[in-house]
Amino acid sequence: MKTPRQIKAITSQLEVLEELKEQLESLITDINTVTSKGKSWINDSDSQNFLEMNQYLINETSRCLRRCYDLTNDDCGLNSDTPESFDQAENVNRSKDDKRYQSLADMVNKINSTLVKHSRKMKKLQQNSSEQETRIESTCEKIKENDSKFEELHNELQGASQFMTRLEIQSTKLFDKVKENKEQIETLLHLPQELADQKESLTSLLKTNESQDKSQVVKMEEFIQGHVSNSHALNTKYDHLSNLVKANDEELSQIKKYITSESLSDIKKKLEENDEYLKRIEINQRKFSDGNRKIAEDIEAKIQANTEITSILEVKFQSLETQLSNANGEFSKSKDVIESLKSRVEIIKDQLSTCKSNIKKLDTKITAAESEIVSQSRRRASSRDVMAACRIQLNCSEEMNFKKDTILKCFKKCLLNIGQCYDKDAGTFTAPCAGLYLCSLMIESENGMEKEFSIYSSDRSDNETARGRTHTNSSSAVACLVTVFDLNQGDEVYVKSLDEIRNIKLSNYSYFVCVLLQKK
């Protein structure tokens, strides 16, 4: 028969084992998650870098080992009472289950011994992990320092390239302004000739107007003389008519005298004759007065027309005088404008000279920076007797077409090719040895197209790996990428376009750089 005490002891042992099983299962699940994450990083499905993944694995392994160590300590504490329970069970009931209990006790002792061994190994692993953590921290600090240095250098180079582009834009604007000023100066130089031509035309016009005015004055004088002669003739006619009237009066007086002496019939006849004669005289006087009136009206109309012509001529003379004064003012203004343009041209010449000096200084700075980079790469590579560095630019700025997933072979201008590792025809950089490499890509689109470019590497088995990606856009046509990664001997590095590109105009300042930093 089993006693309650035996049952209680067995159940307590089973509970301990169940709890240990649960803790081990949770530990196994955590280990599985960590291993799956590491495998996913190996298969390039995780976005973390090498340092982050290495630190993560170290932390997780140390945590799992601590949990195992804690489990061993807990199990030792829990199993410290097991011999007493077994002794009590032996004292209570020494039956057929003694062998089974003895075997269980042996197994527990073996487990305790193995746990002690594992705890010792855990301590060693913890010491190793702490040492590795310190090493990793030191290497991380060194890498961060190198990255900061390279970033500063790259920022300086990028700022210099941007400053160069700005200077080029300003120089083109200044060149255009100089062209415009030259054209304006040429037009202003032609202005005196035009003003002289205008003066000649105005003087000729004045001469013609004076000659016309003189001819019109002569005509007016002739017309006035004719009018005076006509008035004299009319006065003579009027005197003649007055004399005729006097003669008629005398004849009338004679007729009156004759009437007194003659008979009525004769008087009637003579009166009728005299009436007819008087009617003729009245008709002649009317005709003469009408003719004189018409002549006077014609003379007045001609005089009025001549006065209008003289007023028009006076207005023309005044307008010509104002035009001459305006032309003189414009000529003086054009002289002032020419002087100001000359001063502006001198200022622009000074600005161009300063720009040229600044460009020369920038060229010297860029060459010094490039030589510094080369010297640094040589210093780092000389310790291992391996040197490899290249900087390739475009030959000229022109529109190009690129197919999808094809290597860019447009980088032909070798500014630097240490070790002859870059193939211009293939557009690839071949690693001469295994080590840490720095690669940079700067692409400038002059027509502002939005396109993506990537740096790839491939090993000898043609396994391709994307190392970095950048893209241009309409607001900022300059795209830049700097990355650091490991390469094996014989690995190739190149640039690809992610999409099919047509009619993109790349600047001749676009470049591709690959430098060996440290050999393994």
Protein backbone atom coordinates (compact mmCIF):
# COMPACT_ATOMS: atom_id res chain seq x y z
CA MET A 1 0.00 0.00 0.00
CA LYS A 2 1.13 3.55 -0.83
CA THR A 3 1.06 5.97 2.02
CA PRO A 4 -0.16 9.60 1.60
CA ARG A 5 3.31 10.82 2.44
CA GLN A 6 4.82 8.83 -0.43
CA ILE A 7 2.16 10.11 -2.82
CA LYS A 8 2.80 13.70 -1.70
CA ALA A 9 6.56 13.30 -2.22
CA ILE A 10 6.07 11.86 -5.70
CA THR A 11 3.57 14.59 -6.70
CA SER A 12 5.93 17.32 -5.48
CA GLN A 13 8.73 15.80 -7.59
CA LEU A 14 6.41 15.65 -10.61
CA GLU A 15 5.39 19.29 -10.12
CA VAL A 16 9.05 20.29 -10.01
CA LEU A 17 9.70 18.37 -13.22
CA GLU A 18 6.67 19.96 -14.94
CA GLU A 19 7.82 23.42 -13.93
CA LEU A 20 11.32 22.60 -15.19
CA LYS A 21 9.81 21.33 -18.44
CA GLU A 22 7.83 24.57 -18.95
CA GLN A 23 10.90 26.71 -18.31
CA LEU A 24 12.97 24.59 -20.70
CA GLU A 25 10.25 24.83 -23.38
CA SER A 26 10.13 28.64 -23.08
CA LEU A 27 13.93 28.69 -23.28
CA ILE A 28 13.83 26.47 -26.39
CA THR A 29 11.25 28.79 -28.04
CA ASP A 30 13.47 31.82 -27.33
CA ILE A 31 16.47 29.99 -28.78
CA ASN A 32 14.44 29.07 -31.88
CA THR A 33 13.39 32.72 -32.42
CA VAL A 34 17.00 33.91 -32.10
CA THR A 35 18.28 31.25 -34.54
CA SER A 36 15.49 32.02 -37.03
CA LYS A 37 16.35 35.73 -36.89
CA GLY A 38 20.04 34.95 -37.50
CA LYS A 39 19.19 32.70 -40.47
CA SER A 40 16.93 35.42 -41.93
CA TRP A 41 19.81 37.91 -41.65
CA ILE A 42 22.06 35.45 -43.51
CA ASN A 43 19.43 35.17 -46.26
CA ASP A 44 19.35 39.03 -46.56
CA SER A 45 15.70 39.32 -45.50
CA ASP A 46 16.59 41.42 -42.43
CA SER A 47 17.52 45.13 -42.65
CA GLN A 48 19.99 45.10 -39.70
CA ASN A 49 23.72 45.48 -40.30
CA PHE A 50 26.46 43.11 -39.15
CA LEU A 51 27.30 44.94 -35.92
CA GLU A 52 23.69 45.12 -34.75
CA MET A 53 23.07 41.44 -35.51
CA ASN A 54 26.31 40.34 -33.81
CA GLN A 55 25.48 42.36 -30.69
CA TYR A 56 21.95 40.98 -30.69
CA LEU A 57 23.17 37.33 -30.86
CA ILE A 58 25.73 37.91 -28.09
CA ASN A 59 23.09 39.45 -25.82
CA GLU A 60 20.57 36.67 -26.50
CA THR A 61 23.09 33.85 -25.96
CA SER A 62 24.22 35.40 -22.68
CA ARG A 63 20.60 35.75 -21.60
CA CYS A 64 19.83 32.10 -22.47
CA LEU A 65 22.94 30.95 -20.62
CA ARG A 66 21.94 33.01 -17.57
CA ARG A 67 18.53 31.37 -17.64
CA CYS A 68 20.15 27.92 -17.80
CA TYR A 69 22.39 28.88 -14.90
CA ASP A 70 19.39 30.10 -12.92
CA LEU A 71 17.58 26.84 -13.69
CA THR A 72 20.54 24.82 -12.41
CA ASN A 73 20.63 26.83 -9.19
CA ASP A 74 16.87 26.44 -8.72
CA ASP A 75 17.08 22.73 -9.46
CA CYS A 76 19.91 22.31 -6.99
CA GLY A 77 17.83 24.04 -4.32
CA LEU A 78 14.78 22.02 -5.14
CA ASN A 79 16.66 18.76 -5.38
CA SER A 80 18.44 19.27 -2.06
CA ASP A 81 15.42 17.80 -0.30
CA THR A 82 15.16 14.78 -2.58
CA PRO A 83 17.60 12.54 -0.65
CA GLU A 84 15.64 13.15 2.52
CA SER A 85 12.39 12.28 0.81
CA PHE A 86 13.98 9.17 -0.65
CA ASP A 87 15.41 8.22 2.76
CA GLN A 88 12.02 8.74 4.33
CA ALA A 89 10.44 6.64 1.59
CA GLU A 90 13.02 3.93 2.16
CA ASN A 91 12.40 4.06 5.87
CA VAL A 92 8.60 3.95 5.36
CA ASN A 93 8.35 1.37 2.67
CA ARG A 94 11.18 -0.77 1.46
CA SER A 95 9.43 -2.62 -1.28
CA LYS A 96 9.77 -3.28 -4.93
CA ASP A 97 9.99 0.45 -5.72
CA ASP A 98 13.37 0.81 -3.97
CA LYS A 99 15.26 0.07 -7.17
CA ARG A 100 13.17 2.57 -9.10
CA TYR A 101 13.76 5.27 -6.49
CA GLN A 102 17.45 4.49 -6.41
CA SER A 103 17.69 4.83 -10.21
CA LEU A 104 15.81 8.15 -10.03
CA ALA A 105 18.20 9.37 -7.36
CA ASP A 106 21.18 8.42 -9.54
CA MET A 107 19.66 10.25 -12.48
CA VAL A 108 19.07 13.33 -10.34
CA ASN A 109 22.66 13.22 -9.13
CA LYS A 110 23.90 12.93 -12.71
CA ILE A 111 21.71 15.89 -13.69
CA ASN A 112 23.09 17.89 -10.79
CA SER A 113 26.66 17.10 -11.80
CA THR A 114 25.99 18.03 -15.42
CA LEU A 115 24.32 21.25 -14.30
CA VAL A 116 27.37 22.10 -12.21
CA LYS A 117 29.58 21.51 -15.24
CA HIS A 118 27.27 23.65 -17.35
CA SER A 119 27.33 26.41 -14.76
CA ARG A 120 31.15 26.42 -14.92
CA LYS A 121 31.00 26.56 -18.69
CA MET A 122 28.42 29.34 -18.38
CA LYS A 123 30.78 31.38 -16.24
CA LYS A 124 33.56 30.92 -18.81
CA LEU A 125 31.17 31.85 -21.63
CA GLN A 126 30.05 34.92 -19.70
CA GLN A 127 33.67 35.97 -19.26
CA ASN A 128 34.33 35.39 -22.97
CA SER A 129 31.16 37.28 -23.89
CA SER A 130 32.13 40.23 -21.68
CA GLU A 131 35.58 40.28 -23.32
CA GLN A 132 33.97 40.07 -26.76
CA GLU A 133 31.58 42.88 -25.80
CA THR A 134 34.48 45.11 -24.82
CA ARG A 135 36.28 44.24 -28.06
CA ILE A 136 33.13 44.88 -30.09
CA GLU A 137 32.56 48.18 -28.32
CA SER A 138 36.12 49.28 -29.08
CA THR A 139 35.79 48.18 -32.72
CA CYS A 140 32.40 49.94 -32.94
CA GLU A 141 33.95 53.13 -31.60
CA LYS A 142 36.78 52.87 -34.13
CA ILE A 143 34.31 52.22 -36.95
CA LYS A 144 32.17 55.16 -35.82
CA GLU A 145 35.24 57.39 -35.78
CA ASN A 146 36.19 56.22 -39.28
CA ASP A 147 32.61 56.69 -40.47
CA SER A 148 32.50 60.20 -39.00
CA LYS A 149 35.81 61.02 -40.69
CA PHE A 150 34.61 59.66 -44.02
CA GLU A 151 31.30 61.49 -43.64
CA GLU A 152 33.10 64.74 -42.93
CA LEU A 153 35.37 64.19 -45.91
CA HIS A 154 32.45 63.28 -48.13
CA ASN A 155 30.45 66.28 -46.91
CA GLU A 156 33.40 68.52 -47.70
CA LEU A 157 33.72 67.00 -51.18
CA GLN A 158 29.99 67.27 -51.75
CA GLY A 159 29.99 70.88 -50.55
CA ALA A 160 32.92 71.62 -52.84
CA SER A 161 31.11 70.02 -55.79
CA GLN A 162 27.95 71.99 -55.00
CA PHE A 163 30.00 75.17 -54.68
CA MET A 164 31.62 74.41 -58.03
CA THR A 165 28.23 73.92 -59.66
CA ARG A 166 27.00 77.18 -58.13
CA LEU A 167 30.10 78.95 -59.37
CA GLU A 168 29.55 77.53 -62.84
CA ILE A 169 25.93 78.70 -62.80
CA GLN A 170 27.02 82.16 -61.61
CA SER A 171 29.78 82.28 -64.23
CA THR A 172 27.29 81.36 -66.99
CA LYS A 173 24.91 84.05 -65.71
CA LEU A 174 27.77 86.56 -65.64
CA PHE A 175 28.80 85.51 -69.15
CA ASP A 176 25.22 86.03 -70.35
CA LYS A 177 25.11 89.44 -68.64
CA VAL A 178 28.44 90.36 -70.25
CA LYS A 179 27.01 89.34 -73.63
CA GLU A 180 23.92 91.48 -73.02
CA ASN A 181 26.09 94.39 -71.91
CA LYS A 182 28.26 93.99 -75.02
CA GLU A 183 25.16 94.08 -77.21
CA GLN A 184 23.89 97.15 -75.35
CA ILE A 185 27.30 98.80 -75.71
CA GLU A 186 27.29 98.05 -79.44
CA THR A 187 23.81 99.55 -79.76
CA LEU A 188 24.92 102.57 -77.72
CA LEU A 189 28.02 102.93 -79.91
CA HIS A 190 25.71 103.05 -82.92
CA LEU A 191 23.55 105.69 -81.19
CA PRO A 192 25.85 108.69 -81.99
CA GLN A 193 25.77 107.74 -85.68
CA GLU A 194 21.98 107.47 -85.53
CA LEU A 195 21.78 110.83 -83.73
CA ALA A 196 24.04 112.39 -86.37
CA ASP A 197 21.81 110.93 -89.09
CA GLN A 198 18.77 112.31 -87.29
CA LYS A 199 20.45 115.72 -87.02
CA GLU A 200 21.24 115.68 -90.73
CA SER A 201 17.66 114.69 -91.56
CA LEU A 202 16.34 117.42 -89.23
CA THR A 203 18.62 120.07 -90.74
CA SER A 204 17.61 119.00 -94.25
CA LEU A 205 13.95 119.10 -93.17
CA LEU A 206 14.46 122.58 -91.69
CA LYS A 207 16.13 123.73 -94.89
CA THR A 208 13.28 122.36 -97.00
CA ASN A 209 10.72 123.95 -94.67
CA GLU A 210 12.58 127.28 -94.81
CA SER A 211 12.70 127.12 -98.60
CA GLN A 212 8.99 126.26 -98.72
CA ASP A 213 8.22 129.09 -96.28
CA LYS A 214 10.27 131.52 -98.36
CA SER A 215 8.48 130.45 -101.54
CA GLN A 216 5.11 130.79 -99.80
CA VAL A 217 6.10 134.27 -98.49
CA VAL A 218 7.13 135.27 -102.02
CA LYS A 219 3.79 134.01 -103.33
CA MET A 220 1.97 135.93 -100.58
CA GLU A 221 3.89 139.10 -101.45
CA GLU A 222 3.05 138.63 -105.13
CA PHE A 223 -0.59 138.00 -104.21
CA ILE A 224 -0.68 141.14 -102.02
CA GLN A 225 0.90 143.17 -104.80
CA GLY A 226 -1.76 141.86 -107.20
CA HIS A 227 -4.42 142.67 -104.62
CA VAL A 228 -3.03 146.23 -104.26
CA SER A 229 -2.98 146.64 -108.04
CA ASN A 230 -6.57 145.36 -108.23
CA SER A 231 -7.61 147.81 -105.51
CA HIS A 232 -5.92 150.62 -107.45
CA ALA A 233 -7.78 149.54 -110.56
CA LEU A 234 -11.04 149.43 -108.63
CA ASN A 235 -10.37 152.90 -107.25
CA THR A 236 -9.76 154.20 -110.75
CA LYS A 237 -12.99 152.55 -111.91
CA TYR A 238 -14.79 154.06 -108.93
CA ASP A 239 -13.42 157.51 -109.82
CA HIS A 240 -14.49 156.95 -113.38
CA LEU A 241 -17.99 155.98 -112.23
CA SER A 242 -18.18 158.98 -109.94
CA ASN A 243 -17.21 161.15 -112.88
CA LEU A 244 -19.94 159.46 -114.93
CA VAL A 245 -22.44 160.10 -112.14
CA LYS A 246 -21.40 163.76 -112.07
CA ALA A 247 -21.80 163.85 -115.82
CA ASN A 248 -25.23 162.25 -115.49
CA ASP A 249 -26.16 164.82 -112.88
CA GLU A 250 -25.08 167.54 -115.21
CA GLU A 251 -27.08 165.95 -118.00
CA LEU A 252 -30.12 165.72 -115.68
CA SER A 253 -29.80 169.36 -114.89
CA GLN A 254 -29.57 170.07 -118.56
CA ILE A 255 -32.62 167.85 -119.11
CA LYS A 256 -34.53 169.74 -116.48
CA LYS A 257 -33.64 172.93 -118.24
CA TYR A 258 -34.61 171.35 -121.50
CA ILE A 259 -37.91 170.12 -120.06
CA THR A 260 -38.87 173.54 -119.20
CA SER A 261 -38.23 174.49 -122.81
CA GLU A 262 -39.45 171.32 -124.58
CA SER A 263 -42.94 169.84 -124.93
CA LEU A 264 -44.30 167.00 -122.77
CA SER A 265 -44.14 164.35 -125.50
CA ASP A 266 -40.53 165.03 -126.16
CA ILE A 267 -39.89 165.09 -122.48
CA LYS A 268 -41.55 161.68 -122.06
CA LYS A 269 -39.44 160.24 -124.82
CA LYS A 270 -36.26 161.62 -123.35
CA LEU A 271 -37.28 160.50 -119.87
CA GLU A 272 -37.91 157.00 -121.13
CA GLU A 273 -34.52 157.03 -122.82
CA ASN A 274 -32.89 158.35 -119.66
CA ASP A 275 -34.69 155.70 -117.55
CA GLU A 276 -33.37 152.96 -119.79
CA TYR A 277 -29.91 154.50 -119.58
CA LEU A 278 -30.17 154.69 -115.78
CA LYS A 279 -31.33 151.08 -115.59
CA ARG A 280 -28.29 150.06 -117.62
CA ILE A 281 -26.08 152.08 -115.29
CA GLU A 282 -27.65 150.39 -112.22
CA ILE A 283 -27.18 146.94 -113.77
CA ASN A 284 -23.54 147.78 -114.52
CA GLN A 285 -23.05 149.08 -110.96
CA ARG A 286 -24.58 145.89 -109.54
CA LYS A 287 -22.35 143.72 -111.69
CA PHE A 288 -19.32 145.79 -110.71
CA SER A 289 -20.19 145.64 -106.99
CA ASP A 290 -20.79 141.84 -107.17
CA GLY A 291 -17.44 141.32 -108.89
CA ASN A 292 -15.68 143.52 -106.34
CA ARG A 293 -17.39 141.62 -103.50
CA LYS A 294 -16.27 138.24 -104.91
CA ILE A 295 -12.74 139.52 -105.38
CA ALA A 296 -12.68 140.81 -101.78
CA GLU A 297 -14.03 137.49 -100.44
CA ASP A 298 -11.40 135.55 -102.41
CA ILE A 299 -8.69 137.85 -101.06
CA GLU A 300 -9.94 137.40 -97.47
CA ALA A 301 -10.09 133.56 -97.90
CA LYS A 302 -6.54 133.50 -99.29
CA ILE A 303 -5.33 135.72 -96.44
CA GLN A 304 -7.00 133.40 -93.88
CA ALA A 305 -5.49 130.30 -95.56
CA ASN A 306 -2.06 131.95 -95.50
CA THR A 307 -2.49 132.80 -91.80
CA GLU A 308 -3.41 129.14 -91.10
CA ILE A 309 -0.35 127.96 -93.04
CA THR A 310 1.87 130.34 -91.08
CA SER A 311 0.40 129.06 -87.76
CA ILE A 312 0.99 125.44 -88.88
CA LEU A 313 4.56 126.32 -89.83
CA GLU A 314 5.09 127.95 -86.43
CA VAL A 315 3.80 124.76 -84.72
CA LYS A 316 6.13 122.67 -86.89
CA PHE A 317 9.07 124.90 -85.99
CA GLN A 318 8.24 124.54 -82.30
CA SER A 319 7.95 120.72 -82.58
CA LEU A 320 11.27 120.59 -84.44
CA GLU A 321 12.89 122.67 -81.71
CA THR A 322 11.48 120.32 -79.01
CA GLN A 323 12.67 117.28 -81.01
CA LEU A 324 16.14 118.80 -81.24
CA SER A 325 16.20 119.48 -77.49
CA ASN A 326 14.97 115.92 -76.78
CA ALA A 327 17.59 114.47 -79.12
CA ASN A 328 20.29 116.45 -77.32
CA GLY A 329 18.96 115.18 -73.95
CA GLU A 330 18.87 111.58 -75.20
CA PHE A 331 22.38 111.95 -76.54
CA SER A 332 23.60 113.16 -73.13
CA LYS A 333 21.67 110.33 -71.42
CA SER A 334 23.21 107.77 -73.81
CA LYS A 335 26.65 109.11 -72.90
CA ASP A 336 25.83 108.62 -69.20
CA VAL A 337 24.51 105.10 -69.90
CA ILE A 338 27.68 104.25 -71.84
CA GLU A 339 29.82 105.45 -68.93
CA SER A 340 27.74 103.43 -66.42
CA LEU A 341 27.94 100.34 -68.66
CA LYS A 342 31.69 100.73 -68.91
CA SER A 343 31.93 100.87 -65.11
CA ARG A 344 29.66 97.80 -64.84
CA VAL A 345 31.83 95.94 -67.35
CA GLU A 346 34.89 96.74 -65.23
CA ILE A 347 33.07 95.46 -62.11
CA ILE A 348 32.04 92.28 -63.96
CA LYS A 349 35.65 91.77 -65.09
CA ASP A 350 36.79 92.05 -61.46
CA GLN A 351 34.07 89.60 -60.37
CA LEU A 352 35.13 87.15 -63.11
CA SER A 353 38.74 87.40 -62.01
CA THR A 354 37.74 86.73 -58.37
CA CYS A 355 35.57 83.79 -59.51
CA LYS A 356 38.48 82.38 -61.48
CA SER A 357 40.75 82.70 -58.47
CA ASN A 358 38.12 81.02 -56.25
CA ILE A 359 37.76 78.20 -58.79
CA LYS A 360 41.53 77.73 -58.82
CA LYS A 361 41.56 77.62 -55.01
CA LEU A 362 38.75 75.04 -55.02
CA ASP A 363 40.61 72.95 -57.60
CA THR A 364 43.69 72.99 -55.39
CA LYS A 365 41.57 72.05 -52.34
CA ILE A 366 39.88 69.20 -54.22
CA THR A 367 43.19 67.89 -55.53
CA ALA A 368 44.63 68.14 -52.00
CA ALA A 369 41.62 66.25 -50.59
CA GLU A 370 41.91 63.59 -53.28
CA SER A 371 45.63 63.25 -52.62
CA GLU A 372 44.88 63.03 -48.88
CA ILE A 373 42.34 60.24 -49.53
CA VAL A 374 44.83 58.44 -51.75
CA SER A 375 47.59 58.86 -49.17
CA GLN A 376 45.30 57.54 -46.41
CA SER A 377 44.30 54.55 -48.53
CA ARG A 378 47.97 53.97 -49.36
CA ARG A 379 48.92 54.20 -45.69
CA ARG A 380 46.22 51.70 -44.74
CA ALA A 381 47.05 49.35 -47.58
CA SER A 382 50.85 49.64 -47.34
CA SER A 383 50.85 47.66 -44.10
CA ARG A 384 49.59 44.67 -46.07
CA ASP A 385 51.38 45.55 -49.40
CA VAL A 386 48.02 45.92 -51.20
CA MET A 387 46.71 49.15 -52.79
CA ALA A 388 43.42 49.54 -54.65
CA ALA A 389 41.46 52.73 -55.34
CA CYS A 390 39.59 54.23 -58.27
CA ARG A 391 37.66 57.41 -59.02
CA ILE A 392 35.91 57.52 -62.38
CA GLN A 393 33.92 60.40 -63.94
CA LEU A 394 31.90 60.97 -67.10
CA ASN A 395 33.71 62.28 -70.16
CA CYS A 396 31.03 64.81 -71.10
CA SER A 397 27.48 65.90 -70.28
CA GLU A 398 25.05 64.38 -72.80
CA GLU A 399 21.68 62.61 -72.97
CA MET A 400 21.91 58.84 -72.37
CA ASN A 401 19.68 55.75 -72.38
CA PHE A 402 20.01 52.88 -69.87
CA LYS A 403 18.27 49.51 -69.90
CA LYS A 404 16.80 47.93 -66.79
CA ASP A 405 19.25 45.89 -64.60
CA THR A 406 22.25 46.65 -66.83
CA ILE A 407 25.68 47.82 -65.69
CA LEU A 408 26.41 51.53 -66.29
CA LYS A 409 29.42 51.74 -68.63
CA CYS A 410 29.33 55.52 -69.00
CA PHE A 411 32.11 56.15 -66.41
CA LYS A 412 35.14 56.41 -68.72
CA LYS A 413 37.27 59.29 -67.39
CA CYS A 414 39.77 57.72 -64.93
CA LEU A 415 40.90 60.37 -62.44
CA LEU A 416 42.38 57.63 -60.23
CA ASN A 417 42.93 53.90 -60.86
CA ILE A 418 45.48 52.52 -58.38
CA GLY A 419 46.16 48.86 -59.00
CA GLN A 420 44.28 48.98 -62.34
CA CYS A 421 41.26 47.38 -60.66
CA TYR A 422 38.61 49.28 -62.65
CA ASP A 423 37.65 48.09 -66.15
CA LYS A 424 36.30 51.00 -68.23
CA ASP A 425 34.84 48.76 -70.92
CA ALA A 426 32.96 46.51 -68.47
CA GLY A 427 32.21 49.25 -65.91
CA THR A 428 33.28 46.99 -62.98
CA PHE A 429 35.74 47.26 -60.07
CA THR A 430 37.43 43.94 -59.18
CA ALA A 431 38.62 43.46 -55.59
CA PRO A 432 42.34 42.48 -55.58
CA CYS A 433 42.07 41.00 -52.08
CA ALA A 434 39.61 40.30 -49.29
CA GLY A 435 38.98 43.29 -47.05
CA LEU A 436 36.83 46.26 -46.08
CA TYR A 437 36.00 48.57 -49.00
CA LEU A 438 34.43 52.04 -49.26
CA CYS A 439 32.25 52.78 -52.29
CA SER A 440 30.64 56.10 -53.24
CA LEU A 441 28.32 57.13 -56.07
CA MET A 442 27.34 60.71 -56.99
CA ILE A 443 24.99 61.23 -59.95
CA GLU A 444 23.68 64.62 -61.08
CA SER A 445 20.75 64.87 -63.52
CA GLU A 446 20.82 68.19 -65.38
CA ASN A 447 17.27 67.75 -66.74
CA GLY A 448 15.84 66.85 -63.28
CA MET A 449 14.63 63.29 -63.98
CA GLU A 450 13.49 61.13 -61.01
CA LYS A 451 15.44 57.85 -61.36
CA GLU A 452 16.99 55.24 -59.01
CA PHE A 453 20.54 53.83 -59.12
CA SER A 454 22.17 51.11 -56.98
CA ILE A 455 25.64 49.78 -56.15
CA TYR A 456 25.87 45.97 -56.50
CA SER A 457 28.56 43.39 -55.80
CA SER A 458 28.83 39.87 -57.17
CA ASP A 459 31.10 36.99 -56.17
CA ARG A 460 32.73 34.39 -58.40
CA SER A 461 29.52 32.34 -58.39
CA ASP A 462 27.60 35.35 -59.83
CA ASN A 463 25.64 35.81 -56.59
CA GLU A 464 24.55 39.45 -56.74
CA THR A 465 24.09 41.59 -53.58
CA ALA A 466 22.65 45.12 -53.37
CA ARG A 467 24.98 47.37 -51.34
CA GLY A 468 23.14 50.70 -51.50
CA ARG A 469 20.53 52.69 -53.37
CA THR A 470 19.99 56.36 -54.21
CA HIS A 471 17.68 58.35 -56.47
CA THR A 472 17.45 61.75 -58.13
CA ASN A 473 14.35 63.93 -58.00
CA SER A 474 13.05 67.14 -59.57
CA SER A 475 13.75 69.38 -56.55
CA SER A 476 17.37 68.23 -56.07
CA ALA A 477 18.97 66.70 -59.17
CA VAL A 478 22.08 65.49 -57.25
CA ALA A 479 22.01 61.96 -55.77
CA CYS A 480 24.81 60.73 -53.51
CA LEU A 481 25.54 57.37 -51.83
CA VAL A 482 28.44 56.32 -49.54
CA THR A 483 28.66 52.77 -48.14
CA VAL A 484 31.22 50.41 -46.57
CA PHE A 485 31.16 46.60 -46.94
CA ASP A 486 33.34 43.48 -47.06
CA LEU A 487 34.55 41.92 -50.32
CA ASN A 488 36.43 38.75 -51.13
CA GLN A 489 39.19 38.46 -53.68
CA GLY A 490 37.76 38.51 -57.21
CA ASP A 491 34.41 40.08 -56.22
CA GLU A 492 33.13 42.74 -58.63
CA VAL A 493 31.45 46.06 -57.77
CA TYR A 494 29.36 48.03 -60.30
CA VAL A 495 26.43 50.46 -60.71
CA LYS A 496 23.02 49.57 -62.15
CA SER A 497 19.83 51.44 -63.05
CA LEU A 498 16.72 49.92 -61.45
CA ASP A 499 14.42 51.01 -64.33
CA GLU A 500 14.70 51.64 -68.04
CA ILE A 501 15.84 55.25 -68.48
CA ARG A 502 15.57 57.35 -71.63
CA ASN A 503 17.02 60.76 -72.46
CA ILE A 504 18.59 61.44 -69.06
CA LYS A 505 21.27 64.13 -69.18
CA LEU A 506 23.99 63.32 -66.64
CA SER A 507 26.50 65.96 -65.55
CA ASN A 508 30.17 65.37 -66.23
CA TYR A 509 30.75 65.86 -62.47
CA SER A 510 29.05 62.50 -61.75
CA TYR A 511 31.56 59.98 -60.35
CA PHE A 512 32.01 56.44 -58.97
CA VAL A 513 34.60 55.76 -56.21
CA CYS A 514 35.83 52.46 -54.71
CA VAL A 515 38.70 52.35 -52.16
CA LEU A 516 40.30 49.53 -50.14
CA LEU A 517 40.25 50.55 -46.47
CA GLN A 518 41.67 47.49 -44.70
CA LYS A 519 42.83 44.09 -45.84
CA LYS A 520 41.72 40.99 -43.96
